[in-house]
Protein backbone atom coordinates (compact mmCIF):
# COMPACT_ATOMS: atom_id res chain seq x y z
CA MET A 1 101.70 113.92 90.61
CA GLU A 2 100.76 110.64 91.47
CA ILE A 3 102.76 107.48 90.53
CA PHE A 4 101.81 103.95 91.32
CA SER A 5 101.99 100.81 89.70
CA VAL A 6 102.11 97.16 90.79
CA TYR A 7 106.29 97.35 89.54
CA SER A 8 108.67 100.13 89.93
CA ASP A 9 108.21 103.51 88.25
CA CYS A 10 110.88 106.26 88.22
CA LEU A 11 110.84 109.76 87.15
CA SER A 12 113.24 112.64 87.08
CA LEU A 13 113.70 116.17 87.07
CA SER A 14 115.89 119.05 86.24
CA GLY A 15 116.91 120.27 90.04
CA VAL A 16 117.11 123.68 88.88
CA THR A 17 114.09 124.05 87.02
CA GLY A 18 111.69 121.45 87.62
CA GLU A 19 111.32 120.67 84.21
CA LEU A 20 110.30 116.60 83.88
CA LEU A 21 113.03 114.70 82.31
CA ASP A 22 111.82 111.73 81.90
CA THR A 23 109.74 108.97 83.03
CA LYS A 24 110.00 105.42 83.29
CA HIS A 25 108.45 101.96 84.23
CA PHE A 26 110.45 99.10 85.67
CA ASP A 27 109.43 95.29 86.38
CA MET A 28 111.69 94.68 89.12
CA TRP A 29 109.78 90.85 89.30
CA ALA A 30 110.41 89.49 85.62
CA GLY A 31 112.05 92.58 84.20
CA ASP A 32 115.54 93.23 83.18
CA VAL A 33 117.33 95.20 85.55
CA GLY A 34 119.68 96.90 82.77
CA GLU A 35 116.77 98.95 82.19
CA LEU A 36 116.82 100.82 85.41
CA LEU A 37 120.89 101.21 84.64
CA LYS A 38 120.29 102.47 81.89
CA PHE A 39 117.70 105.27 83.48
CA LEU A 40 120.43 105.93 86.15
CA ARG A 41 123.62 106.11 84.69
CA PRO A 42 123.37 109.12 82.75
CA LEU A 43 121.93 111.40 85.34
CA HIS A 44 123.32 115.23 85.39
CA GLU A 45 124.57 116.80 88.56
CA GLY A 46 121.50 118.17 89.89
CA THR A 47 119.00 115.76 88.59
CA LEU A 48 116.03 115.17 91.18
CA VAL A 49 114.98 111.26 91.12
CA PHE A 50 111.34 110.33 92.41
CA ALA A 51 110.99 106.58 92.75
CA ALA A 52 107.88 104.59 94.26
CA SER A 53 107.09 100.86 94.42
CA TYR A 54 104.12 99.15 95.48
CA ASP A 55 104.68 95.33 94.80
CA ASP A 56 108.23 94.24 94.57
CA PRO A 57 110.70 96.72 93.95
CA SER A 58 114.18 94.78 94.81
CA THR A 59 113.91 91.21 93.14
CA LYS A 60 115.99 92.23 89.99
CA LEU A 61 117.93 94.64 92.17
CA ASN A 62 121.85 94.39 91.56
CA GLU A 63 124.86 95.69 93.52
CA GLU A 64 125.34 98.86 90.89
CA ALA A 65 121.49 99.22 91.37
CA ARG A 66 121.77 99.82 94.82
CA ARG A 67 124.63 101.29 94.29
CA LEU A 68 123.77 104.10 92.06
CA PHE A 69 120.28 104.87 94.36
CA GLU A 70 122.59 104.90 97.73
CA GLU A 71 124.83 107.84 95.45
CA LEU A 72 121.06 109.59 95.05
CA GLY A 73 120.75 109.81 99.03
CA SER A 74 118.90 106.55 99.48
CA SER A 75 119.99 104.83 103.14
CA ALA A 76 117.09 101.80 102.41
CA ILE A 77 117.78 100.70 99.16
CA ARG A 78 120.46 97.89 101.27
CA GLU A 79 117.48 96.72 103.16
CA LEU A 80 114.96 96.61 100.62
CA ALA A 81 113.21 93.23 99.71
CA PHE A 82 110.57 91.63 98.16
CA ARG A 83 107.38 92.99 98.27
CA ASP A 84 108.66 95.80 100.51
CA SER A 85 106.66 99.50 99.98
CA TRP A 86 109.01 102.19 99.07
CA VAL A 87 109.16 105.73 97.95
CA PHE A 88 111.67 108.22 97.39
CA VAL A 89 113.01 111.40 96.33
CA GLY A 90 116.68 111.94 96.32
CA ALA A 91 119.57 113.90 93.84
CA LYS A 92 122.23 113.28 91.96
CA GLY A 93 125.17 114.73 93.82
CA ILE A 94 123.57 115.03 97.30
CA ASP A 95 126.07 115.24 99.99
CA SER A 96 124.04 113.27 102.52
CA LYS A 97 121.44 111.03 102.83
CA SER A 98 117.69 112.06 101.52
CA PRO A 99 115.55 113.50 104.26
CA PHE A 100 112.09 111.63 101.75
CA GLU A 101 112.47 108.20 101.83
CA GLN A 102 110.09 106.04 102.94
CA ARG A 103 109.81 102.03 103.57
CA MET A 104 107.23 99.61 104.83
CA LYS A 105 108.42 96.03 105.44
CA ASN A 106 106.78 93.26 103.85
CA SER A 107 106.25 91.30 106.77
CA LYS A 108 103.07 88.66 107.27
CA LEU A 109 102.10 89.57 110.53
CA THR A 110 101.73 93.52 109.70
CA ASN A 111 100.80 93.61 106.22
CA LYS A 112 97.67 95.50 105.69
CA TYR A 113 96.55 93.44 102.18
CA GLU A 114 97.35 89.87 102.74
CA GLY A 115 100.22 89.38 100.50
CA TRP A 116 101.24 93.23 100.78
CA PRO A 117 102.26 95.71 103.34
CA GLU A 118 100.45 98.86 103.82
CA ALA A 119 100.40 101.85 100.74
CA LEU A 120 102.55 105.00 101.28
CA GLU A 121 102.21 108.43 100.99
CA MET A 122 104.72 111.31 101.23
CA ASP A 123 104.90 114.86 100.82
CA GLY A 124 107.28 117.87 100.95
CA CYS A 125 109.24 120.73 99.55
CA VAL A 126 112.34 119.81 97.95
CA PRO A 127 114.40 122.56 97.56
CA GLN A 128 115.71 123.67 93.74
CA ARG A 129 119.12 124.01 92.99
CA PRO A 130 120.29 127.36 92.27
CA PRO A 131 121.79 127.77 88.34
CA GLU A 132 125.29 127.91 88.05
CA GLU A 133 126.96 131.07 87.89
CA ALA A 134 129.13 131.78 84.93
């Protein structure tokens, strides 16, 4: 599955079945962070969250949104800034930092595409969570 836009896209999957639960597109430049919070707040334990951004993932991020991504395992969300490229896979209830995160800082000195950093690609195997035993 490919996720790409000039803004930020997120999707959630069941950590047990891999079933797609939801997909959302967020305009973090001119949009409302409340829409992102409505996506993140109700996540259930074990839900996987995939996030990708190309243009601006951070302008509208507030303290609560950054905290919620940290709770999903993000270690880069606090430093995420204007026009940084960012890809992330995390999980609700993760006990540590996610190994599935990359950030390319927006820098006039190193940007590949004039005002934008290089696009990021990430691959790997995300382990499924075993079903809860009765």
